[in-house]
C-alpha atoms as a PDB file:
ATOM      1  CA  MET A   1      -0.777  25.629 -23.304  1.00  0.00           C
ATOM      2  CA  LEU A   2      -4.037  23.627 -23.035  1.00  0.00           C
ATOM      3  CA  ARG A   3      -4.120  23.205 -26.817  1.00  0.00           C
ATOM      4  CA  LYS A   4      -0.825  21.327 -26.604  1.00  0.00           C
ATOM      5  CA  ILE A   5      -2.267  18.497 -24.492  1.00  0.00           C
ATOM      6  CA  ASN A   6      -2.127  15.294 -26.541  1.00  0.00           C
ATOM      7  CA  GLU A   7      -1.459  11.573 -26.183  1.00  0.00           C
ATOM      8  CA  ASN A   8       2.220  12.252 -25.471  1.00  0.00           C
ATOM      9  CA  THR A   9       1.495  14.601 -22.584  1.00  0.00           C
ATOM     10  CA  TYR A  10       2.556  13.204 -19.223  1.00  0.00           C
ATOM     11  CA  VAL A  11       0.079  12.883 -16.346  1.00  0.00           C
ATOM     12  CA  ILE A  12       0.627  12.418 -12.612  1.00  0.00           C
ATOM     13  CA  GLY A  13      -1.287  13.118  -9.424  1.00  0.00           C
ATOM     14  CA  ASP A  14      -0.768  13.282  -5.678  1.00  0.00           C
ATOM     15  CA  THR A  15       2.968  13.748  -5.318  1.00  0.00           C
ATOM     16  CA  HIS A  16       2.307  15.163  -1.821  1.00  0.00           C
ATOM     17  CA  LEU A  17       5.823  16.529  -1.388  1.00  0.00           C
ATOM     18  CA  PHE A  18       6.756  17.050   2.268  1.00  0.00           C
ATOM     19  CA  HIS A  19       3.592  15.414   3.598  1.00  0.00           C
ATOM     20  CA  ASN A  20       5.273  13.619   6.485  1.00  0.00           C
ATOM     21  CA  ASN A  21       2.375  11.295   7.261  1.00  0.00           C
ATOM     22  CA  ILE A  22       1.733  10.184   3.696  1.00  0.00           C
ATOM     23  CA  ILE A  23       4.010   7.160   4.105  1.00  0.00           C
ATOM     24  CA  LYS A  24       1.899   6.018   7.038  1.00  0.00           C
ATOM     25  CA  TYR A  25      -1.235   6.225   4.899  1.00  0.00           C
ATOM     26  CA  GLU A  26       0.403   4.914   1.719  1.00  0.00           C
ATOM     27  CA  PRO A  27       3.100   2.368   2.660  1.00  0.00           C
ATOM     28  CA  LEU A  28       3.970   1.733  -1.000  1.00  0.00           C
ATOM     29  CA  ARG A  29       5.950   4.952  -0.773  1.00  0.00           C
ATOM     30  CA  ARG A  30       8.442   3.213   1.491  1.00  0.00           C
ATOM     31  CA  LYS A  31      10.015   2.066  -1.751  1.00  0.00           C
ATOM     32  CA  TYR A  32      12.247   5.140  -1.541  1.00  0.00           C
ATOM     33  CA  LEU A  33      13.936   3.625   1.531  1.00  0.00           C
ATOM     34  CA  GLU A  34      14.558   0.360  -0.292  1.00  0.00           C
ATOM     35  CA  GLU A  35      16.191   2.257  -3.147  1.00  0.00           C
ATOM     36  CA  GLY A  36      18.464   4.197  -0.800  1.00  0.00           C
ATOM     37  CA  ALA A  37      17.195   7.665  -1.692  1.00  0.00           C
ATOM     38  CA  PRO A  38      18.103  10.391   0.817  1.00  0.00           C
ATOM     39  CA  SER A  39      14.465  11.461   1.093  1.00  0.00           C
ATOM     40  CA  HIS A  40      10.976  10.771  -0.201  1.00  0.00           C
ATOM     41  CA  GLU A  41      11.133  14.090  -2.093  1.00  0.00           C
ATOM     42  CA  ASP A  42      14.512  13.410  -3.731  1.00  0.00           C
ATOM     43  CA  TRP A  43      13.219  10.025  -4.827  1.00  0.00           C
ATOM     44  CA  LEU A  44      10.047  11.423  -6.425  1.00  0.00           C
ATOM     45  CA  ILE A  45      11.934  14.229  -8.159  1.00  0.00           C
ATOM     46  CA  ASP A  46      14.538  11.793  -9.530  1.00  0.00           C
ATOM     47  CA  ARG A  47      11.819   9.481 -10.828  1.00  0.00           C
ATOM     48  CA  TRP A  48      10.009  12.422 -12.436  1.00  0.00           C
ATOM     49  CA  ASN A  49      13.176  13.635 -14.162  1.00  0.00           C
ATOM     50  CA  SER A  50      14.064  10.131 -15.317  1.00  0.00           C
ATOM     51  CA  VAL A  51      11.190  10.243 -17.831  1.00  0.00           C
ATOM     52  CA  VAL A  52      10.328  13.926 -18.351  1.00  0.00           C
ATOM     53  CA  ARG A  53      12.517  16.225 -20.455  1.00  0.00           C
ATOM     54  CA  GLU A  54      12.536  20.015 -20.218  1.00  0.00           C
ATOM     55  CA  THR A  55      10.474  20.291 -23.404  1.00  0.00           C
ATOM     56  CA  ASP A  56       7.770  17.823 -22.314  1.00  0.00           C
ATOM     57  CA  LEU A  57       4.333  18.846 -21.098  1.00  0.00           C
ATOM     58  CA  VAL A  58       3.146  17.456 -17.745  1.00  0.00           C
ATOM     59  CA  LEU A  59      -0.409  17.652 -16.428  1.00  0.00           C
ATOM     60  CA  HIS A  60      -0.437  17.397 -12.636  1.00  0.00           C
ATOM     61  CA  LEU A  61      -3.823  16.322 -11.288  1.00  0.00           C
ATOM     62  CA  GLY A  62      -3.434  18.029  -7.926  1.00  0.00           C
ATOM     63  CA  ASP A  63      -2.009  17.722  -4.420  1.00  0.00           C
ATOM     64  CA  PHE A  64       1.472  18.659  -5.544  1.00  0.00           C
ATOM     65  CA  ALA A  65       2.867  19.503  -2.105  1.00  0.00           C
ATOM     66  CA  PHE A  66       1.844  19.716   1.518  1.00  0.00           C
ATOM     67  CA  LYS A  67       2.048  23.328   2.787  1.00  0.00           C
ATOM     68  CA  PRO A  68       2.556  24.775  -0.702  1.00  0.00           C
ATOM     69  CA  HIS A  69       3.633  28.167   0.641  1.00  0.00           C
ATOM     70  CA  LEU A  70       6.777  26.418   1.899  1.00  0.00           C
ATOM     71  CA  TYR A  71       7.379  23.677  -0.651  1.00  0.00           C
ATOM     72  CA  ALA A  72       5.706  24.475  -3.984  1.00  0.00           C
ATOM     73  CA  GLU A  73       9.007  25.902  -5.215  1.00  0.00           C
ATOM     74  CA  TYR A  74      10.314  22.339  -5.546  1.00  0.00           C
ATOM     75  CA  ALA A  75       8.506  22.368  -8.885  1.00  0.00           C
ATOM     76  CA  LEU A  76      11.546  24.269 -10.143  1.00  0.00           C
ATOM     77  CA  PHE A  77      13.627  21.093  -9.787  1.00  0.00           C
ATOM     78  CA  MET A  78      11.220  19.036 -11.913  1.00  0.00           C
ATOM     79  CA  ASN A  79      11.569  18.918 -15.687  1.00  0.00           C
ATOM     80  CA  GLY A  80       8.909  19.945 -18.150  1.00  0.00           C
ATOM     81  CA  LYS A  81       6.272  22.570 -18.774  1.00  0.00           C
ATOM     82  CA  LYS A  82       3.690  21.983 -16.076  1.00  0.00           C
ATOM     83  CA  ILE A  83      -0.077  22.458 -15.821  1.00  0.00           C
ATOM     84  CA  LEU A  84      -1.717  22.060 -12.402  1.00  0.00           C
ATOM     85  CA  ILE A  85      -5.310  21.193 -11.597  1.00  0.00           C
ATOM     86  CA  ILE A  86      -5.734  22.411  -8.040  1.00  0.00           C
ATOM     87  CA  GLY A  87      -6.433  19.642  -5.504  1.00  0.00           C
ATOM     88  CA  ASN A  88      -7.668  19.875  -1.945  1.00  0.00           C
ATOM     89  CA  HIS A  89      -4.170  20.229  -0.460  1.00  0.00           C
ATOM     90  CA  ASP A  90      -3.249  22.949  -2.963  1.00  0.00           C
ATOM     91  CA  ALA A  91      -6.286  25.158  -2.503  1.00  0.00           C
ATOM     92  CA  LYS A  92      -5.034  27.401   0.314  1.00  0.00           C
ATOM     93  CA  ASP A  93      -1.985  28.620  -1.610  1.00  0.00           C
ATOM     94  CA  ILE A  94      -3.079  28.883  -5.227  1.00  0.00           C
ATOM     95  CA  SER A  95      -1.183  32.129  -5.798  1.00  0.00           C
ATOM     96  CA  VAL A  96       2.136  30.409  -5.051  1.00  0.00           C
ATOM     97  CA  TYR A  97       1.598  27.920  -7.854  1.00  0.00           C
ATOM     98  CA  LYS A  98       0.819  30.576 -10.457  1.00  0.00           C
ATOM     99  CA  ASP A  99       4.469  31.635 -10.461  1.00  0.00           C
ATOM    100  CA  LEU A 100       5.731  28.054 -10.839  1.00  0.00           C
ATOM    101  CA  PHE A 101       3.369  26.378 -13.312  1.00  0.00           C
ATOM    102  CA  GLU A 102       2.583  27.344 -16.891  1.00  0.00           C
ATOM    103  CA  PHE A 103      -1.138  27.157 -16.186  1.00  0.00           C
ATOM    104  CA  VAL A 104      -3.156  26.639 -12.997  1.00  0.00           C
ATOM    105  CA  ILE A 105      -6.800  25.541 -12.971  1.00  0.00           C
ATOM    106  CA  SER A 106      -8.715  26.608  -9.880  1.00  0.00           C
ATOM    107  CA  ASP A 107     -11.835  28.273  -8.478  1.00  0.00           C
ATOM    108  CA  GLY A 108     -14.318  25.733  -9.808  1.00  0.00           C
ATOM    109  CA  THR A 109     -13.269  26.016 -13.457  1.00  0.00           C
ATOM    110  CA  VAL A 110     -13.378  23.324 -16.129  1.00  0.00           C
ATOM    111  CA  TRP A 111     -11.577  24.220 -19.351  1.00  0.00           C
ATOM    112  CA  ILE A 112     -12.933  22.672 -22.557  1.00  0.00           C
ATOM    113  CA  VAL A 113     -10.543  22.211 -25.480  1.00  0.00           C
ATOM    114  CA  ARG A 114     -12.153  21.562 -28.868  1.00  0.00           C
ATOM    115  CA  ASN A 115      -9.651  21.642 -31.715  1.00  0.00           C
ATOM    116  CA  ASN A 116      -8.304  25.207 -31.595  1.00  0.00           C
ATOM    117  CA  GLN A 117     -11.194  26.573 -29.567  1.00  0.00           C
ATOM    118  CA  ILE A 118     -10.942  26.876 -25.794  1.00  0.00           C
ATOM    119  CA  THR A 119     -13.920  27.671 -23.585  1.00  0.00           C
ATOM    120  CA  TYR A 120     -14.693  27.091 -19.940  1.00  0.00           C
ATOM    121  CA  LEU A 121     -17.560  26.536 -17.576  1.00  0.00           C
ATOM    122  CA  LYS A 122     -17.868  27.367 -13.910  1.00  0.00           C
ATOM    123  CA  THR A 123     -18.983  24.726 -11.442  1.00  0.00           C
ATOM    124  CA  HIS A 124     -20.621  25.299  -8.082  1.00  0.00           C
ATOM    125  CA  HIS A 125     -17.651  24.157  -6.017  1.00  0.00           C
ATOM    126  CA  ARG A 126     -14.189  25.722  -5.908  1.00  0.00           C
ATOM    127  CA  LEU A 127     -12.503  22.283  -5.974  1.00  0.00           C
ATOM    128  CA  ALA A 128     -14.468  20.978  -8.960  1.00  0.00           C
ATOM    129  CA  ASN A 129     -11.705  21.851 -11.435  1.00  0.00           C
ATOM    130  CA  GLY A 130     -10.682  20.126 -14.616  1.00  0.00           C
ATOM    131  CA  ILE A 131      -9.903  19.942 -18.315  1.00  0.00           C
ATOM    132  CA  VAL A 132     -11.984  18.275 -21.013  1.00  0.00           C
ATOM    133  CA  LYS A 133     -10.228  17.214 -24.197  1.00  0.00           C
ATOM    134  CA  THR A 134     -10.803  14.511 -26.814  1.00  0.00           C
ATOM    135  CA  ILE A 135      -7.833  12.228 -27.494  1.00  0.00           C
ATOM    136  CA  GLY A 136      -8.461   9.382 -29.909  1.00  0.00           C
ATOM    137  CA  GLU A 137     -11.844   7.840 -29.221  1.00  0.00           C
ATOM    138  CA  TYR A 138     -11.986   9.205 -25.675  1.00  0.00           C
ATOM    139  CA  LYS A 139     -13.478  12.479 -24.538  1.00  0.00           C
ATOM    140  CA  ILE A 140     -11.562  12.819 -21.299  1.00  0.00           C
ATOM    141  CA  LEU A 141     -12.289  14.757 -18.145  1.00  0.00           C
ATOM    142  CA  PHE A 142      -9.019  15.293 -16.293  1.00  0.00           C
ATOM    143  CA  SER A 143      -9.669  16.120 -12.633  1.00  0.00           C
ATOM    144  CA  HIS A 144      -8.263  15.729  -9.156  1.00  0.00           C
ATOM    145  CA  TYR A 145     -11.323  13.993  -7.744  1.00  0.00           C
ATOM    146  CA  PRO A 146     -12.878  10.963  -9.465  1.00  0.00           C
ATOM    147  CA  ILE A 147     -16.451  11.449 -10.629  1.00  0.00           C
ATOM    148  CA  TYR A 148     -17.394   8.168  -8.925  1.00  0.00           C
ATOM    149  CA  PRO A 149     -15.416   8.057  -5.662  1.00  0.00           C
ATOM    150  CA  PRO A 150     -15.057   5.118  -3.274  1.00  0.00           C
ATOM    151  CA  GLU A 151     -18.225   4.276  -1.377  1.00  0.00           C
ATOM    152  CA  GLY A 152     -18.818   6.749   1.407  1.00  0.00           C
ATOM    153  CA  GLU A 153     -16.571   9.436  -0.114  1.00  0.00           C
ATOM    154  CA  GLU A 154     -19.186  11.122  -2.278  1.00  0.00           C
ATOM    155  CA  SER A 155     -19.157  14.899  -1.918  1.00  0.00           C
ATOM    156  CA  PRO A 156     -20.452  18.090  -3.535  1.00  0.00           C
ATOM    157  CA  VAL A 157     -17.181  18.196  -5.505  1.00  0.00           C
ATOM    158  CA  THR A 158     -17.640  14.766  -7.060  1.00  0.00           C
ATOM    159  CA  GLU A 159     -21.286  15.537  -7.807  1.00  0.00           C
ATOM    160  CA  GLU A 160     -20.292  18.711  -9.652  1.00  0.00           C
ATOM    161  CA  LEU A 161     -17.666  16.878 -11.677  1.00  0.00           C
ATOM    162  CA  LYS A 162     -20.116  14.116 -12.529  1.00  0.00           C
ATOM    163  CA  LYS A 163     -22.539  16.725 -13.882  1.00  0.00           C
ATOM    164  CA  VAL A 164     -19.796  18.148 -16.097  1.00  0.00           C
ATOM    165  CA  PHE A 165     -18.814  14.670 -17.301  1.00  0.00           C
ATOM    166  CA  GLU A 166     -22.395  13.881 -18.290  1.00  0.00           C
ATOM    167  CA  LYS A 167     -23.210  17.310 -19.727  1.00  0.00           C
ATOM    168  CA  LEU A 168     -20.205  17.216 -22.055  1.00  0.00           C
ATOM    169  CA  ASN A 169     -20.687  13.540 -22.988  1.00  0.00           C
ATOM    170  CA  CYS A 170     -17.288  12.454 -21.710  1.00  0.00           C
ATOM    171  CA  ASN A 171     -16.438   8.759 -21.696  1.00  0.00           C
ATOM    172  CA  LEU A 172     -13.271   8.671 -19.562  1.00  0.00           C
ATOM    173  CA  ASN A 173     -12.211  10.356 -16.311  1.00  0.00           C
ATOM    174  CA  ILE A 174      -8.464  10.458 -15.604  1.00  0.00           C
ATOM    175  CA  HIS A 175      -8.167  11.425 -11.948  1.00  0.00           C
ATOM    176  CA  GLY A 176      -6.089  11.319  -8.786  1.00  0.00           C
ATOM    177  CA  HIS A 177      -6.968  11.879  -5.106  1.00  0.00           C
ATOM    178  CA  ILE A 178      -7.588   8.274  -4.050  1.00  0.00           C
ATOM    179  CA  HIS A 179      -3.921   7.166  -4.110  1.00  0.00           C
ATOM    180  CA  SER A 180      -3.603   3.354  -4.040  1.00  0.00           C
ATOM    181  CA  LYS A 181      -7.332   2.637  -3.993  1.00  0.00           C
ATOM    182  CA  GLU A 182      -8.789   1.009  -7.073  1.00  0.00           C
ATOM    183  CA  LEU A 183     -12.207   1.738  -8.531  1.00  0.00           C
ATOM    184  CA  ASN A 184     -13.536  -0.975 -10.806  1.00  0.00           C
ATOM    185  CA  ASN A 185     -15.372   1.388 -13.115  1.00  0.00           C
ATOM    186  CA  PRO A 186     -14.745   1.397 -16.884  1.00  0.00           C
ATOM    187  CA  LEU A 187     -15.184   5.179 -16.992  1.00  0.00           C
ATOM    188  CA  LEU A 188     -12.310   5.848 -14.574  1.00  0.00           C
ATOM    189  CA  ILE A 189      -8.556   5.492 -14.497  1.00  0.00           C
ATOM    190  CA  ASN A 190      -6.502   6.449 -11.459  1.00  0.00           C
ATOM    191  CA  ALA A 191      -3.282   8.385 -12.145  1.00  0.00           C
ATOM    192  CA  SER A 192      -2.209   8.882  -8.538  1.00  0.00           C
ATOM    193  CA  VAL A 193       1.530   8.223  -8.150  1.00  0.00           C
ATOM    194  CA  GLU A 194       0.904   4.932  -6.352  1.00  0.00           C
ATOM    195  CA  LYS A 195      -0.807   3.556  -9.482  1.00  0.00           C
ATOM    196  CA  ILE A 196       1.772   4.727 -12.050  1.00  0.00           C
ATOM    197  CA  ASP A 197       5.051   3.580 -10.471  1.00  0.00           C
ATOM    198  CA  PHE A 198       5.689   6.971  -8.846  1.00  0.00           C
ATOM    199  CA  LYS A 199       6.573   8.798 -12.049  1.00  0.00           C
ATOM    200  CA  PRO A 200       4.641  10.611 -14.783  1.00  0.00           C
ATOM    201  CA  VAL A 201       3.047   8.463 -17.454  1.00  0.00           C
ATOM    202  CA  LYS A 202       1.942   9.446 -20.947  1.00  0.00           C
ATOM    203  CA  ILE A 203      -1.770   9.789 -21.638  1.00  0.00           C
ATOM    204  CA  LYS A 204      -1.484   7.218 -24.425  1.00  0.00           C
ATOM    205  CA  GLU A 205      -0.231   4.643 -21.906  1.00  0.00           C
ATOM    206  CA  LEU A 206      -3.244   5.238 -19.676  1.00  0.00           C
ATOM    207  CA  ILE A 207      -5.552   4.940 -22.678  1.00  0.00           C
ATOM    208  CA  ASP A 208      -3.868   1.649 -23.604  1.00  0.00           C
ATOM    209  CA  ARG A 209      -4.643   0.361 -20.106  1.00  0.00           C
ATOM    210  CA  VAL A 210      -8.296   1.266 -20.605  1.00  0.00           C
ATOM    211  CA  ARG A 211      -8.434  -0.466 -23.983  1.00  0.00           C
ATOM    212  CA  LYS A 212      -7.009  -3.671 -22.500  1.00  0.00           C
ATOM    213  CA  ARG A 213      -9.622  -3.990 -19.776  1.00  0.00           C
END
């Protein structure tokens, strides 16, 4: 499944299904009320399915649902073959996701895809998970956490991911976690739902954004 990741793969992060307080923290999500959707979850699922077909591949950058043991099964209503990089809100219920996603990346693992060869390395933090793959001129680290977080939010997780980024000579980090916050760093692009119009976006579209900076 990891070999199939390419510029036409969809990416999204931080759907946070059934996180009741997320609208308080991220008021942009109130858009679902303006559009008359019956719920925040129905709205996100409809937006997802408006662009993703059953045959498409989607890389989810983590924090799929709040209380995954209750709500992870909503992945069944979302089109596509799905890969999940475990985020902080997913970590307590990893086993639930393994029955719903094609591939789940967890336990401090970074998978490295080079042509037809796949290897991995283990980090020193269970949340420092990711995928490294070259697409076009970019060697990309896909991760939940950004390698350079907002000031004051540095952590052992981000330090571990930064080490991986540097060790493998990556030049772009596609990440989630920080929602609507913006980091003015040429090495980063935020794929949290708030930054991609609340629906999956193709990797090539994110790369185009980077090229236009």
